PDB file of all heavy atoms in Angstrom:
ATOM      1  N   VAL A   1      95.599 107.870 108.686  1.00  0.00           N
ATOM      2  CA  VAL A   1      95.202 106.455 108.778  1.00  0.00           C
ATOM      3  C   VAL A   1      96.419 105.552 108.665  1.00  0.00           C
ATOM      4  O   VAL A   1      97.214 105.683 107.730  1.00  0.00           O
ATOM      5  CB  VAL A   1      94.190 106.085 107.666  1.00  0.00           C
ATOM      6  CG1 VAL A   1      93.850 104.593 107.710  1.00  0.00           C
ATOM      7  CG2 VAL A   1      92.917 106.914 107.788  1.00  0.00           C
ATOM      8  N   VAL A   2      96.577 104.653 109.642  1.00  0.00           N
ATOM      9  CA  VAL A   2      97.576 103.589 109.543  1.00  0.00           C
ATOM     10  C   VAL A   2      96.768 102.300 109.389  1.00  0.00           C
ATOM     11  O   VAL A   2      96.208 101.785 110.354  1.00  0.00           O
ATOM     12  CB  VAL A   2      98.486 103.527 110.790  1.00  0.00           C
ATOM     13  CG1 VAL A   2      99.482 102.372 110.673  1.00  0.00           C
ATOM     14  CG2 VAL A   2      99.215 104.854 110.988  1.00  0.00           C
ATOM     15  N   PRO A   3      96.638 101.796 108.137  1.00  0.00           N
ATOM     16  CA  PRO A   3      95.701 100.700 107.883  1.00  0.00           C
ATOM     17  C   PRO A   3      96.223  99.332 108.317  1.00  0.00           C
ATOM     18  O   PRO A   3      97.050  98.733 107.650  1.00  0.00           O
ATOM     19  CB  PRO A   3      95.490 100.751 106.364  1.00  0.00           C
ATOM     20  CG  PRO A   3      96.693 101.445 105.816  1.00  0.00           C
ATOM     21  CD  PRO A   3      97.322 102.247 106.912  1.00  0.00           C
ATOM     22  N   ILE A   4      95.740  98.863 109.473  1.00  0.00           N
ATOM     23  CA  ILE A   4      96.077  97.511 109.926  1.00  0.00           C
ATOM     24  C   ILE A   4      94.755  96.857 110.305  1.00  0.00           C
ATOM     25  O   ILE A   4      94.369  96.827 111.463  1.00  0.00           O
ATOM     26  CB  ILE A   4      97.029  97.528 111.146  1.00  0.00           C
ATOM     27  CG1 ILE A   4      98.274  98.370 110.847  1.00  0.00           C
ATOM     28  CG2 ILE A   4      97.425  96.106 111.532  1.00  0.00           C
ATOM     29  CD1 ILE A   4      99.227  98.503 112.015  1.00  0.00           C
ATOM     30  N   GLY A   5      94.018  96.396 109.295  1.00  0.00           N
ATOM     31  CA  GLY A   5      92.721  95.791 109.573  1.00  0.00           C
ATOM     32  C   GLY A   5      92.461  94.699 108.576  1.00  0.00           C
ATOM     33  O   GLY A   5      93.330  94.371 107.766  1.00  0.00           O
ATOM     34  N   SER A   6      91.249  94.149 108.603  1.00  0.00           N
ATOM     35  CA  SER A   6      90.968  93.081 107.647  1.00  0.00           C
ATOM     36  C   SER A   6      90.416  93.624 106.328  1.00  0.00           C
ATOM     37  O   SER A   6      90.543  92.994 105.302  1.00  0.00           O
ATOM     38  CB  SER A   6      90.036  92.031 108.268  1.00  0.00           C
ATOM     39  OG  SER A   6      89.492  92.478 109.475  1.00  0.00           O
ATOM     40  N   GLY A   7      89.796  94.838 106.347  1.00  0.00           N
ATOM     41  CA  GLY A   7      89.197  95.358 105.120  1.00  0.00           C
ATOM     42  C   GLY A   7      90.013  96.429 104.428  1.00  0.00           C
ATOM     43  O   GLY A   7      90.415  96.297 103.288  1.00  0.00           O
ATOM     44  N   ASN A   8      90.259  97.530 105.135  1.00  0.00           N
ATOM     45  CA  ASN A   8      91.073  98.651 104.622  1.00  0.00           C
ATOM     46  C   ASN A   8      90.545  99.287 103.334  1.00  0.00           C
ATOM     47  O   ASN A   8      91.313  99.736 102.488  1.00  0.00           O
ATOM     48  CB  ASN A   8      92.538  98.227 104.430  1.00  0.00           C
ATOM     49  CG  ASN A   8      93.176  97.743 105.721  1.00  0.00           C
ATOM     50  OD1 ASN A   8      92.867  98.242 106.796  1.00  0.00           O
ATOM     51  ND2 ASN A   8      94.047  96.760 105.628  1.00  0.00           N
ATOM     52  N   ASP A   9      89.215  99.349 103.179  1.00  0.00           N
ATOM     53  CA  ASP A   9      88.648  99.987 101.987  1.00  0.00           C
ATOM     54  C   ASP A   9      88.839 101.503 101.996  1.00  0.00           C
ATOM     55  O   ASP A   9      89.043 102.110 100.953  1.00  0.00           O
ATOM     56  CB  ASP A   9      87.166  99.647 101.842  1.00  0.00           C
ATOM     57  CG  ASP A   9      86.964  98.225 101.343  1.00  0.00           C
ATOM     58  OD1 ASP A   9      87.342  97.957 100.188  1.00  0.00           O
ATOM     59  OD2 ASP A   9      86.455  97.393 102.101  1.00  0.00           O
ATOM     60  N   PHE A  10      88.788 102.113 103.182  1.00  0.00           N
ATOM     61  CA  PHE A  10      89.024 103.557 103.240  1.00  0.00           C
ATOM     62  C   PHE A  10      90.460 103.873 102.819  1.00  0.00           C
ATOM     63  O   PHE A  10      90.716 104.795 102.049  1.00  0.00           O
ATOM     64  CB  PHE A  10      88.748 104.122 104.643  1.00  0.00           C
ATOM     65  CG  PHE A  10      88.855 105.628 104.682  1.00  0.00           C
ATOM     66  CD1 PHE A  10      87.756 106.421 104.424  1.00  0.00           C
ATOM     67  CD2 PHE A  10      90.077 106.244 104.935  1.00  0.00           C
ATOM     68  CE1 PHE A  10      87.863 107.818 104.409  1.00  0.00           C
ATOM     69  CE2 PHE A  10      90.197 107.628 104.928  1.00  0.00           C
ATOM     70  CZ  PHE A  10      89.088 108.415 104.667  1.00  0.00           C
ATOM     71  N   ALA A  11      91.401 103.063 103.316  1.00  0.00           N
ATOM     72  CA  ALA A  11      92.819 103.257 102.961  1.00  0.00           C
ATOM     73  C   ALA A  11      93.028 103.076 101.459  1.00  0.00           C
ATOM     74  O   ALA A  11      93.783 103.821 100.827  1.00  0.00           O
ATOM     75  CB  ALA A  11      93.690 102.276 103.735  1.00  0.00           C
ATOM     76  N   ARG A  12      92.317 102.116 100.877  1.00  0.00           N
ATOM     77  CA  ARG A  12      92.394 101.884  99.433  1.00  0.00           C
ATOM     78  C   ARG A  12      91.906 103.146  98.699  1.00  0.00           C
ATOM     79  O   ARG A  12      92.513 103.593  97.737  1.00  0.00           O
ATOM     80  CB  ARG A  12      91.523 100.675  99.093  1.00  0.00           C
ATOM     81  CG  ARG A  12      91.732 100.087  97.712  1.00  0.00           C
ATOM     82  CD  ARG A  12      90.821  98.883  97.478  1.00  0.00           C
ATOM     83  NE  ARG A  12      91.433  97.618  97.868  1.00  0.00           N
ATOM     84  CZ  ARG A  12      91.124  96.931  98.967  1.00  0.00           C
ATOM     85  NH1 ARG A  12      90.196  97.359  99.777  1.00  0.00           N
ATOM     86  NH2 ARG A  12      91.734  95.803  99.250  1.00  0.00           N
ATOM     87  N   MET A  13      90.804 103.708  99.170  1.00  0.00           N
ATOM     88  CA  MET A  13      90.228 104.909  98.558  1.00  0.00           C
ATOM     89  C   MET A  13      91.184 106.106  98.641  1.00  0.00           C
ATOM     90  O   MET A  13      91.265 106.920  97.727  1.00  0.00           O
ATOM     91  CB  MET A  13      88.908 105.244  99.268  1.00  0.00           C
ATOM     92  CG  MET A  13      88.233 106.507  98.802  1.00  0.00           C
ATOM     93  SD  MET A  13      86.713 106.857  99.745  1.00  0.00           S
ATOM     94  CE  MET A  13      87.349 107.977 100.994  1.00  0.00           C
ATOM     95  N   ALA A  14      91.911 106.187  99.754  1.00  0.00           N
ATOM     96  CA  ALA A  14      92.789 107.342  99.986  1.00  0.00           C
ATOM     97  C   ALA A  14      94.194 107.147  99.416  1.00  0.00           C
ATOM     98  O   ALA A  14      95.079 107.978  99.632  1.00  0.00           O
ATOM     99  CB  ALA A  14      92.861 107.628 101.487  1.00  0.00           C
ATOM    100  N   GLY A  15      94.408 106.026  98.691  1.00  0.00           N
ATOM    101  CA  GLY A  15      95.722 105.785  98.084  1.00  0.00           C
ATOM    102  C   GLY A  15      96.788 105.372  99.078  1.00  0.00           C
ATOM    103  O   GLY A  15      97.981 105.612  98.878  1.00  0.00           O
ATOM    104  N   LEU A  16      96.364 104.742 100.179  1.00  0.00           N
ATOM    105  CA  LEU A  16      97.309 104.356 101.238  1.00  0.00           C
ATOM    106  C   LEU A  16      97.659 102.878 101.214  1.00  0.00           C
ATOM    107  O   LEU A  16      98.420 102.402 102.046  1.00  0.00           O
ATOM    108  CB  LEU A  16      96.703 104.687 102.616  1.00  0.00           C
ATOM    109  CG  LEU A  16      96.282 106.139 102.840  1.00  0.00           C
ATOM    110  CD1 LEU A  16      95.508 106.272 104.144  1.00  0.00           C
ATOM    111  CD2 LEU A  16      97.486 107.061 102.837  1.00  0.00           C
ATOM    112  N   ARG A  17      97.067 102.135 100.275  1.00  0.00           N
ATOM    113  CA  ARG A  17      97.338 100.698 100.225  1.00  0.00           C
ATOM    114  C   ARG A  17      98.718 100.451  99.632  1.00  0.00           C
ATOM    115  O   ARG A  17      99.183 101.197  98.766  1.00  0.00           O
ATOM    116  CB  ARG A  17      96.299 100.011  99.342  1.00  0.00           C
ATOM    117  CG  ARG A  17      94.929 100.018  99.944  1.00  0.00           C
ATOM    118  CD  ARG A  17      94.666  98.819 100.792  1.00  0.00           C
ATOM    119  NE  ARG A  17      94.846  97.594 100.042  1.00  0.00           N
ATOM    120  CZ  ARG A  17      94.792  96.389 100.563  1.00  0.00           C
ATOM    121  NH1 ARG A  17      94.569  96.247 101.838  1.00  0.00           N
ATOM    122  NH2 ARG A  17      94.972  95.323  99.824  1.00  0.00           N
ATOM    123  N   GLY A  18      99.376  99.397 100.121  1.00  0.00           N
ATOM    124  CA  GLY A  18     100.652  99.011  99.533  1.00  0.00           C
ATOM    125  C   GLY A  18     101.832  99.830 100.027  1.00  0.00           C
ATOM    126  O   GLY A  18     102.960  99.607  99.606  1.00  0.00           O
ATOM    127  N   LEU A  19     101.590 100.800 100.921  1.00  0.00           N
ATOM    128  CA  LEU A  19     102.731 101.509 101.535  1.00  0.00           C
ATOM    129  C   LEU A  19     103.279 100.588 102.615  1.00  0.00           C
ATOM    130  O   LEU A  19     102.511  99.917 103.301  1.00  0.00           O
ATOM    131  CB  LEU A  19     102.272 102.822 102.190  1.00  0.00           C
ATOM    132  CG  LEU A  19     101.523 103.852 101.333  1.00  0.00           C
ATOM    133  CD1 LEU A  19     101.135 105.049 102.206  1.00  0.00           C
ATOM    134  CD2 LEU A  19     102.367 104.318 100.172  1.00  0.00           C
ATOM    135  N   GLY A  20     104.583 100.563 102.800  1.00  0.00           N
ATOM    136  CA  GLY A  20     105.141  99.806 103.922  1.00  0.00           C
ATOM    137  C   GLY A  20     104.746 100.493 105.225  1.00  0.00           C
ATOM    138  O   GLY A  20     104.270 101.630 105.215  1.00  0.00           O
ATOM    139  N   LEU A  21     104.959  99.820 106.355  1.00  0.00           N
ATOM    140  CA  LEU A  21     104.553 100.386 107.645  1.00  0.00           C
ATOM    141  C   LEU A  21     105.233 101.727 107.916  1.00  0.00           C
ATOM    142  O   LEU A  21     104.569 102.706 108.283  1.00  0.00           O
ATOM    143  CB  LEU A  21     104.822  99.394 108.778  1.00  0.00           C
ATOM    144  CG  LEU A  21     104.323  99.853 110.158  1.00  0.00           C
ATOM    145  CD1 LEU A  21     102.809 100.056 110.164  1.00  0.00           C
ATOM    146  CD2 LEU A  21     104.705  98.859 111.248  1.00  0.00           C
ATOM    147  N   ALA A  22     106.539 101.806 107.702  1.00  0.00           N
ATOM    148  CA  ALA A  22     107.273 103.052 107.986  1.00  0.00           C
ATOM    149  C   ALA A  22     106.696 104.215 107.175  1.00  0.00           C
ATOM    150  O   ALA A  22     106.481 105.315 107.688  1.00  0.00           O
ATOM    151  CB  ALA A  22     108.761 102.875 107.677  1.00  0.00           C
ATOM    152  N   GLU A  23     106.418 103.952 105.890  1.00  0.00           N
ATOM    153  CA  GLU A  23     105.862 104.984 105.007  1.00  0.00           C
ATOM    154  C   GLU A  23     104.446 105.369 105.445  1.00  0.00           C
ATOM    155  O   GLU A  23     104.089 106.548 105.460  1.00  0.00           O
ATOM    156  CB  GLU A  23     105.877 104.464 103.564  1.00  0.00           C
ATOM    157  CG  GLU A  23     105.370 105.427 102.508  1.00  0.00           C
ATOM    158  CD  GLU A  23     106.233 106.670 102.308  1.00  0.00           C
ATOM    159  OE1 GLU A  23     107.270 106.833 102.995  1.00  0.00           O
ATOM    160  OE2 GLU A  23     105.850 107.483 101.452  1.00  0.00           O
ATOM    161  N   SER A  24     103.649 104.377 105.841  1.00  0.00           N
ATOM    162  CA  SER A  24     102.293 104.630 106.350  1.00  0.00           C
ATOM    163  C   SER A  24     102.316 105.586 107.538  1.00  0.00           C
ATOM    164  O   SER A  24     101.506 106.510 107.617  1.00  0.00           O
ATOM    165  CB  SER A  24     101.641 103.334 106.836  1.00  0.00           C
ATOM    166  OG  SER A  24     101.122 102.616 105.763  1.00  0.00           O
TER     167      SER A  24
END
């Protein structure tokens, strides 16, 4: 998942929030 959306709840659940784009 590369989270670029308005909600990103799945990314939050998977611990992907707050990563920079390169890291994502």
